Amino acid sequence: MPDINVAVVYYSATGSVHRLAEALAEGATKAGAEVRLRRVKELAPDSAIDANPAWREHLEASRDIPEATLDDLVWGHAYAFGTPTRFGLMASQLKQFMDTTGGLWSEGILADKPVTGFTSAVNPNGGLETTIVSMYHVFQHWGSIIVPPGYTDPVLHAAGGNPYGISWPTGQAGELPDDEVLNAASYQGNRLVDIARRLQG
């Protein structure tokens, strides 16, 4: 029976962060955890979504994935959060979800739980690291224990070597993550479970 519950909560517009979330969830599952894969609510108007066919296509294709709730955070022993980059910060959709956690924060429910982050952007220098750090600011306020991948396994170097969290530059064509990055995301999920298990003693 799984001894660690992991909530993988993410926002993805065109699918890159979604694929990273799946790979991270697969890694956590292989490490023996029970995993909930959850997307946050889409806030953008239909006019914006319909202006980008890939955005509309991914939104429709991912409707079967349950929307994240605060109960997922109560349930989880560990968390992984993913978002695309928006001007070097997390997307407003994920930030809005985080902004609803005040009650859990005040009760101390989020404290001492291990958490990690991941992201995607068009350009290699398009704010990947600052986006992850913007999530980590929230986790510090929660009192959570940040679990970055660092340089703890050679698979991370093959994926670009971002020590803050797995990241994927899609390029203008919006390419989905390659095998090296997906392997690194799986490792990040595995590492999160390992640290959570150690913290539970």
C-alpha atoms as a PDB file:
ATOM      1  CA  MET A   1       0.000   0.000   0.000  1.00  0.00           C
ATOM      2  CA  PRO A   2       1.436   3.444  -0.883  1.00  0.00           C
ATOM      3  CA  ASP A   3       2.798   5.325   2.121  1.00  0.00           C
ATOM      4  CA  ILE A   4       3.168   8.716   0.414  1.00  0.00           C
ATOM      5  CA  ASN A   5       0.451  10.788  -1.292  1.00  0.00           C
ATOM      6  CA  VAL A   6       1.668  13.199  -3.974  1.00  0.00           C
ATOM      7  CA  ALA A   7      -0.495  15.936  -5.463  1.00  0.00           C
ATOM      8  CA  VAL A   8       0.772  17.070  -8.884  1.00  0.00           C
ATOM      9  CA  VAL A   9      -0.972  20.367  -9.582  1.00  0.00           C
ATOM     10  CA  TYR A  10      -0.357  22.280 -12.790  1.00  0.00           C
ATOM     11  CA  TYR A  11      -1.568  24.705 -15.416  1.00  0.00           C
ATOM     12  CA  SER A  12      -0.842  24.081 -19.086  1.00  0.00           C
ATOM     13  CA  ALA A  13      -2.039  26.087 -22.070  1.00  0.00           C
ATOM     14  CA  THR A  14      -0.817  24.076 -25.047  1.00  0.00           C
ATOM     15  CA  GLY A  15       0.390  20.837 -23.477  1.00  0.00           C
ATOM     16  CA  SER A  16       4.076  21.111 -22.592  1.00  0.00           C
ATOM     17  CA  VAL A  17       3.588  21.532 -18.844  1.00  0.00           C
ATOM     18  CA  HIS A  18       0.880  18.869 -18.969  1.00  0.00           C
ATOM     19  CA  ARG A  19       3.362  16.377 -20.411  1.00  0.00           C
ATOM     20  CA  LEU A  20       5.954  17.291 -17.765  1.00  0.00           C
ATOM     21  CA  ALA A  21       3.300  16.802 -15.078  1.00  0.00           C
ATOM     22  CA  GLU A  22       2.468  13.352 -16.434  1.00  0.00           C
ATOM     23  CA  ALA A  23       6.137  12.335 -16.453  1.00  0.00           C
ATOM     24  CA  LEU A  24       6.683  13.617 -12.915  1.00  0.00           C
ATOM     25  CA  ALA A  25       3.559  11.781 -11.754  1.00  0.00           C
ATOM     26  CA  GLU A  26       4.828   8.596 -13.411  1.00  0.00           C
ATOM     27  CA  GLY A  27       8.124   8.912 -11.553  1.00  0.00           C
ATOM     28  CA  ALA A  28       6.358   9.398  -8.234  1.00  0.00           C
ATOM     29  CA  THR A  29       4.125   6.409  -8.908  1.00  0.00           C
ATOM     30  CA  LYS A  30       7.102   4.216  -9.758  1.00  0.00           C
ATOM     31  CA  ALA A  31       8.632   5.285  -6.448  1.00  0.00           C
ATOM     32  CA  GLY A  32       5.633   3.780  -4.685  1.00  0.00           C
ATOM     33  CA  ALA A  33       3.490   6.860  -4.082  1.00  0.00           C
ATOM     34  CA  GLU A  34      -0.207   7.344  -4.690  1.00  0.00           C
ATOM     35  CA  VAL A  35      -0.558  10.290  -7.070  1.00  0.00           C
ATOM     36  CA  ARG A  36      -3.313  12.729  -7.911  1.00  0.00           C
ATOM     37  CA  LEU A  37      -2.766  14.556 -11.209  1.00  0.00           C
ATOM     38  CA  ARG A  38      -4.782  17.776 -11.108  1.00  0.00           C
ATOM     39  CA  ARG A  39      -5.103  20.787 -13.402  1.00  0.00           C
ATOM     40  CA  VAL A  40      -6.124  24.198 -12.153  1.00  0.00           C
ATOM     41  CA  LYS A  41      -9.104  26.053 -13.561  1.00  0.00           C
ATOM     42  CA  GLU A  42      -8.724  27.878 -16.858  1.00  0.00           C
ATOM     43  CA  LEU A  43      -9.346  31.610 -16.400  1.00  0.00           C
ATOM     44  CA  ALA A  44      -8.665  32.956 -19.885  1.00  0.00           C
ATOM     45  CA  PRO A  45     -11.627  34.091 -22.023  1.00  0.00           C
ATOM     46  CA  ASP A  46     -12.706  32.000 -24.978  1.00  0.00           C
ATOM     47  CA  SER A  47     -11.606  34.773 -27.343  1.00  0.00           C
ATOM     48  CA  ALA A  48      -7.996  34.372 -26.210  1.00  0.00           C
ATOM     49  CA  ILE A  49      -8.107  30.582 -26.239  1.00  0.00           C
ATOM     50  CA  ASP A  50      -9.677  30.417 -29.693  1.00  0.00           C
ATOM     51  CA  ALA A  51      -6.993  32.720 -31.098  1.00  0.00           C
ATOM     52  CA  ASN A  52      -4.493  29.889 -30.571  1.00  0.00           C
ATOM     53  CA  PRO A  53      -5.713  26.552 -31.994  1.00  0.00           C
ATOM     54  CA  ALA A  54      -3.174  24.593 -29.937  1.00  0.00           C
ATOM     55  CA  TRP A  55      -4.525  26.173 -26.749  1.00  0.00           C
ATOM     56  CA  ARG A  56      -8.116  25.235 -27.594  1.00  0.00           C
ATOM     57  CA  GLU A  57      -7.067  21.734 -28.646  1.00  0.00           C
ATOM     58  CA  HIS A  58      -5.230  21.058 -25.403  1.00  0.00           C
ATOM     59  CA  LEU A  59      -8.025  22.484 -23.265  1.00  0.00           C
ATOM     60  CA  GLU A  60     -10.559  20.166 -24.849  1.00  0.00           C
ATOM     61  CA  ALA A  61      -8.206  17.156 -24.718  1.00  0.00           C
ATOM     62  CA  SER A  62      -7.495  17.572 -20.991  1.00  0.00           C
ATOM     63  CA  ARG A  63     -11.036  18.058 -19.689  1.00  0.00           C
ATOM     64  CA  ASP A  64     -11.052  14.541 -18.230  1.00  0.00           C
ATOM     65  CA  ILE A  65      -8.325  15.513 -15.759  1.00  0.00           C
ATOM     66  CA  PRO A  66      -9.970  16.665 -12.508  1.00  0.00           C
ATOM     67  CA  GLU A  67      -9.579  20.273 -11.422  1.00  0.00           C
ATOM     68  CA  ALA A  68      -7.433  20.841  -8.350  1.00  0.00           C
ATOM     69  CA  THR A  69      -9.134  21.509  -5.027  1.00  0.00           C
ATOM     70  CA  LEU A  70      -7.823  22.392  -1.610  1.00  0.00           C
ATOM     71  CA  ASP A  71      -8.693  18.846  -0.533  1.00  0.00           C
ATOM     72  CA  ASP A  72      -5.886  17.618  -2.798  1.00  0.00           C
ATOM     73  CA  LEU A  73      -3.432  19.634  -0.697  1.00  0.00           C
ATOM     74  CA  VAL A  74      -4.880  18.339   2.568  1.00  0.00           C
ATOM     75  CA  TRP A  75      -4.592  14.791   1.197  1.00  0.00           C
ATOM     76  CA  GLY A  76      -1.036  15.151  -0.095  1.00  0.00           C
ATOM     77  CA  HIS A  77       2.102  14.450   1.878  1.00  0.00           C
ATOM     78  CA  ALA A  78       4.098  16.113  -0.915  1.00  0.00           C
ATOM     79  CA  TYR A  79       3.382  18.457  -3.815  1.00  0.00           C
ATOM     80  CA  ALA A  80       4.657  19.208  -7.304  1.00  0.00           C
ATOM     81  CA  PHE A  81       3.496  22.373  -9.059  1.00  0.00           C
ATOM     82  CA  GLY A  82       3.928  23.198 -12.734  1.00  0.00           C
ATOM     83  CA  THR A  83       3.248  26.264 -14.835  1.00  0.00           C
ATOM     84  CA  PRO A  84       4.215  27.894 -18.099  1.00  0.00           C
ATOM     85  CA  THR A  85       6.250  31.071 -17.889  1.00  0.00           C
ATOM     86  CA  ARG A  86       4.419  34.384 -17.991  1.00  0.00           C
ATOM     87  CA  PHE A  87       6.921  37.240 -18.124  1.00  0.00           C
ATOM     88  CA  GLY A  88       9.246  35.299 -15.819  1.00  0.00           C
ATOM     89  CA  LEU A  89       6.492  34.472 -13.332  1.00  0.00           C
ATOM     90  CA  MET A  90       3.953  31.705 -12.872  1.00  0.00           C
ATOM     91  CA  ALA A  91       0.729  31.841 -14.895  1.00  0.00           C
ATOM     92  CA  SER A  92      -2.206  33.643 -13.287  1.00  0.00           C
ATOM     93  CA  GLN A  93      -4.254  30.445 -13.375  1.00  0.00           C
ATOM     94  CA  LEU A  94      -1.873  28.695 -10.985  1.00  0.00           C
ATOM     95  CA  LYS A  95      -1.380  31.829  -8.877  1.00  0.00           C
ATOM     96  CA  GLN A  96      -5.144  32.144  -8.438  1.00  0.00           C
ATOM     97  CA  PHE A  97      -5.287  28.594  -7.074  1.00  0.00           C
ATOM     98  CA  MET A  98      -2.416  29.317  -4.702  1.00  0.00           C
ATOM     99  CA  ASP A  99      -4.195  32.468  -3.559  1.00  0.00           C
ATOM    100  CA  THR A 100      -7.039  30.296  -2.224  1.00  0.00           C
ATOM    101  CA  THR A 101      -4.760  28.419   0.189  1.00  0.00           C
ATOM    102  CA  GLY A 102      -4.812  31.036   2.949  1.00  0.00           C
ATOM    103  CA  GLY A 103      -7.002  28.929   5.228  1.00  0.00           C
ATOM    104  CA  LEU A 104      -4.741  25.885   4.907  1.00  0.00           C
ATOM    105  CA  TRP A 105      -1.691  28.104   5.455  1.00  0.00           C
ATOM    106  CA  SER A 106      -3.138  29.627   8.634  1.00  0.00           C
ATOM    107  CA  GLU A 107      -3.911  26.153   9.992  1.00  0.00           C
ATOM    108  CA  GLY A 108      -0.356  24.981   9.300  1.00  0.00           C
ATOM    109  CA  ILE A 109      -1.529  22.217   6.971  1.00  0.00           C
ATOM    110  CA  LEU A 110       0.990  23.125   4.249  1.00  0.00           C
ATOM    111  CA  ALA A 111       3.968  23.467   6.584  1.00  0.00           C
ATOM    112  CA  ASP A 112       6.785  20.921   6.571  1.00  0.00           C
ATOM    113  CA  LYS A 113       5.538  19.202   3.412  1.00  0.00           C
ATOM    114  CA  PRO A 114       8.094  18.696   0.628  1.00  0.00           C
ATOM    115  CA  VAL A 115       7.303  20.516  -2.612  1.00  0.00           C
ATOM    116  CA  THR A 116       8.944  20.959  -6.004  1.00  0.00           C
ATOM    117  CA  GLY A 117       8.273  22.928  -9.196  1.00  0.00           C
ATOM    118  CA  PHE A 118       8.633  22.686 -12.970  1.00  0.00           C
ATOM    119  CA  THR A 119       7.953  24.908 -15.969  1.00  0.00           C
ATOM    120  CA  SER A 120       8.087  25.525 -19.703  1.00  0.00           C
ATOM    121  CA  ALA A 121       8.659  28.573 -21.914  1.00  0.00           C
ATOM    122  CA  VAL A 122       9.204  29.310 -25.594  1.00  0.00           C
ATOM    123  CA  ASN A 123      12.818  30.449 -25.206  1.00  0.00           C
ATOM    124  CA  PRO A 124      15.727  28.881 -23.282  1.00  0.00           C
ATOM    125  CA  ASN A 125      16.251  32.251 -21.591  1.00  0.00           C
ATOM    126  CA  GLY A 126      12.572  33.133 -21.345  1.00  0.00           C
ATOM    127  CA  GLY A 127      12.336  33.149 -17.563  1.00  0.00           C
ATOM    128  CA  LEU A 128      12.427  29.443 -16.754  1.00  0.00           C
ATOM    129  CA  GLU A 129      14.397  29.787 -13.530  1.00  0.00           C
ATOM    130  CA  THR A 130      12.610  32.914 -12.283  1.00  0.00           C
ATOM    131  CA  THR A 131       9.247  31.257 -12.898  1.00  0.00           C
ATOM    132  CA  ILE A 132      10.175  28.331 -10.677  1.00  0.00           C
ATOM    133  CA  VAL A 133      11.561  30.696  -8.053  1.00  0.00           C
ATOM    134  CA  SER A 134       8.270  32.657  -8.145  1.00  0.00           C
ATOM    135  CA  MET A 135       6.517  29.471  -7.069  1.00  0.00           C
ATOM    136  CA  TYR A 136       9.153  28.822  -4.416  1.00  0.00           C
ATOM    137  CA  HIS A 137       8.397  32.226  -2.856  1.00  0.00           C
ATOM    138  CA  VAL A 138       4.888  30.945  -2.128  1.00  0.00           C
ATOM    139  CA  PHE A 139       6.181  27.657  -0.727  1.00  0.00           C
ATOM    140  CA  GLN A 140       8.479  29.522   1.641  1.00  0.00           C
ATOM    141  CA  HIS A 141       5.490  31.419   2.992  1.00  0.00           C
ATOM    142  CA  TRP A 142       3.678  28.115   3.450  1.00  0.00           C
ATOM    143  CA  GLY A 143       6.625  26.784   5.458  1.00  0.00           C
ATOM    144  CA  SER A 144       6.997  23.895   3.045  1.00  0.00           C
ATOM    145  CA  ILE A 145      10.304  22.174   2.360  1.00  0.00           C
ATOM    146  CA  ILE A 146      11.515  22.938  -1.162  1.00  0.00           C
ATOM    147  CA  VAL A 147      12.956  19.930  -2.983  1.00  0.00           C
ATOM    148  CA  PRO A 148      14.868  21.045  -6.087  1.00  0.00           C
ATOM    149  CA  PRO A 149      16.451  18.462  -8.366  1.00  0.00           C
ATOM    150  CA  GLY A 150      19.824  20.198  -8.093  1.00  0.00           C
ATOM    151  CA  TYR A 151      22.527  18.172  -9.821  1.00  0.00           C
ATOM    152  CA  THR A 152      21.769  14.940  -7.996  1.00  0.00           C
ATOM    153  CA  ASP A 153      21.674  12.628 -11.037  1.00  0.00           C
ATOM    154  CA  PRO A 154      23.312  12.608 -14.497  1.00  0.00           C
ATOM    155  CA  VAL A 155      19.867  12.552 -16.128  1.00  0.00           C
ATOM    156  CA  LEU A 156      19.496  16.200 -15.114  1.00  0.00           C
ATOM    157  CA  HIS A 157      22.503  17.297 -17.158  1.00  0.00           C
ATOM    158  CA  ALA A 158      21.073  15.599 -20.242  1.00  0.00           C
ATOM    159  CA  ALA A 159      17.879  17.615 -19.729  1.00  0.00           C
ATOM    160  CA  GLY A 160      19.628  20.986 -19.672  1.00  0.00           C
ATOM    161  CA  GLY A 161      20.804  21.100 -16.077  1.00  0.00           C
ATOM    162  CA  ASN A 162      18.292  23.425 -14.422  1.00  0.00           C
ATOM    163  CA  PRO A 163      18.893  22.892 -10.677  1.00  0.00           C
ATOM    164  CA  TYR A 164      15.698  24.706  -9.666  1.00  0.00           C
ATOM    165  CA  GLY A 165      13.301  22.321 -11.410  1.00  0.00           C
ATOM    166  CA  ILE A 166      12.755  20.594 -14.712  1.00  0.00           C
ATOM    167  CA  SER A 167      12.131  23.061 -17.518  1.00  0.00           C
ATOM    168  CA  TRP A 168      11.456  22.805 -21.226  1.00  0.00           C
ATOM    169  CA  PRO A 169      11.975  25.465 -23.918  1.00  0.00           C
ATOM    170  CA  THR A 170       9.351  24.661 -26.538  1.00  0.00           C
ATOM    171  CA  GLY A 171      10.697  26.826 -29.337  1.00  0.00           C
ATOM    172  CA  GLN A 172       8.389  28.816 -31.595  1.00  0.00           C
ATOM    173  CA  ALA A 173       6.889  25.582 -32.978  1.00  0.00           C
ATOM    174  CA  GLY A 174       5.656  24.591 -29.518  1.00  0.00           C
ATOM    175  CA  GLU A 175       7.406  21.230 -29.485  1.00  0.00           C
ATOM    176  CA  LEU A 176       6.526  18.886 -26.626  1.00  0.00           C
ATOM    177  CA  PRO A 177       9.248  17.810 -24.170  1.00  0.00           C
ATOM    178  CA  ASP A 178      11.817  15.356 -25.494  1.00  0.00           C
ATOM    179  CA  ASP A 179      12.770  12.059 -23.872  1.00  0.00           C
ATOM    180  CA  GLU A 180      15.703  13.517 -21.925  1.00  0.00           C
ATOM    181  CA  VAL A 181      13.476  16.101 -20.261  1.00  0.00           C
ATOM    182  CA  LEU A 182      10.707  13.587 -19.575  1.00  0.00           C
ATOM    183  CA  ASN A 183      13.235  11.243 -17.960  1.00  0.00           C
ATOM    184  CA  ALA A 184      14.434  14.107 -15.783  1.00  0.00           C
ATOM    185  CA  ALA A 185      10.854  15.002 -14.827  1.00  0.00           C
ATOM    186  CA  SER A 186      10.268  11.383 -13.840  1.00  0.00           C
ATOM    187  CA  TYR A 187      13.413  11.523 -11.729  1.00  0.00           C
ATOM    188  CA  GLN A 188      12.184  14.724 -10.063  1.00  0.00           C
ATOM    189  CA  GLY A 189       8.979  12.935  -9.067  1.00  0.00           C
ATOM    190  CA  ASN A 190      10.981  10.001  -7.738  1.00  0.00           C
ATOM    191  CA  ARG A 191      13.231  12.318  -5.737  1.00  0.00           C
ATOM    192  CA  LEU A 192      10.237  14.126  -4.245  1.00  0.00           C
ATOM    193  CA  VAL A 193       8.851  10.828  -2.947  1.00  0.00           C
ATOM    194  CA  ASP A 194      12.247   9.800  -1.608  1.00  0.00           C
ATOM    195  CA  ILE A 195      12.594  13.027   0.390  1.00  0.00           C
ATOM    196  CA  ALA A 196       8.992  12.807   1.619  1.00  0.00           C
ATOM    197  CA  ARG A 197       9.609   9.274   2.811  1.00  0.00           C
ATOM    198  CA  ARG A 198      12.785  10.287   4.641  1.00  0.00           C
ATOM    199  CA  LEU A 199      10.958  13.153   6.352  1.00  0.00           C
ATOM    200  CA  GLN A 200       8.302  10.728   7.578  1.00  0.00           C
ATOM    201  CA  GLY A 201      11.069   8.636   9.094  1.00  0.00           C
END
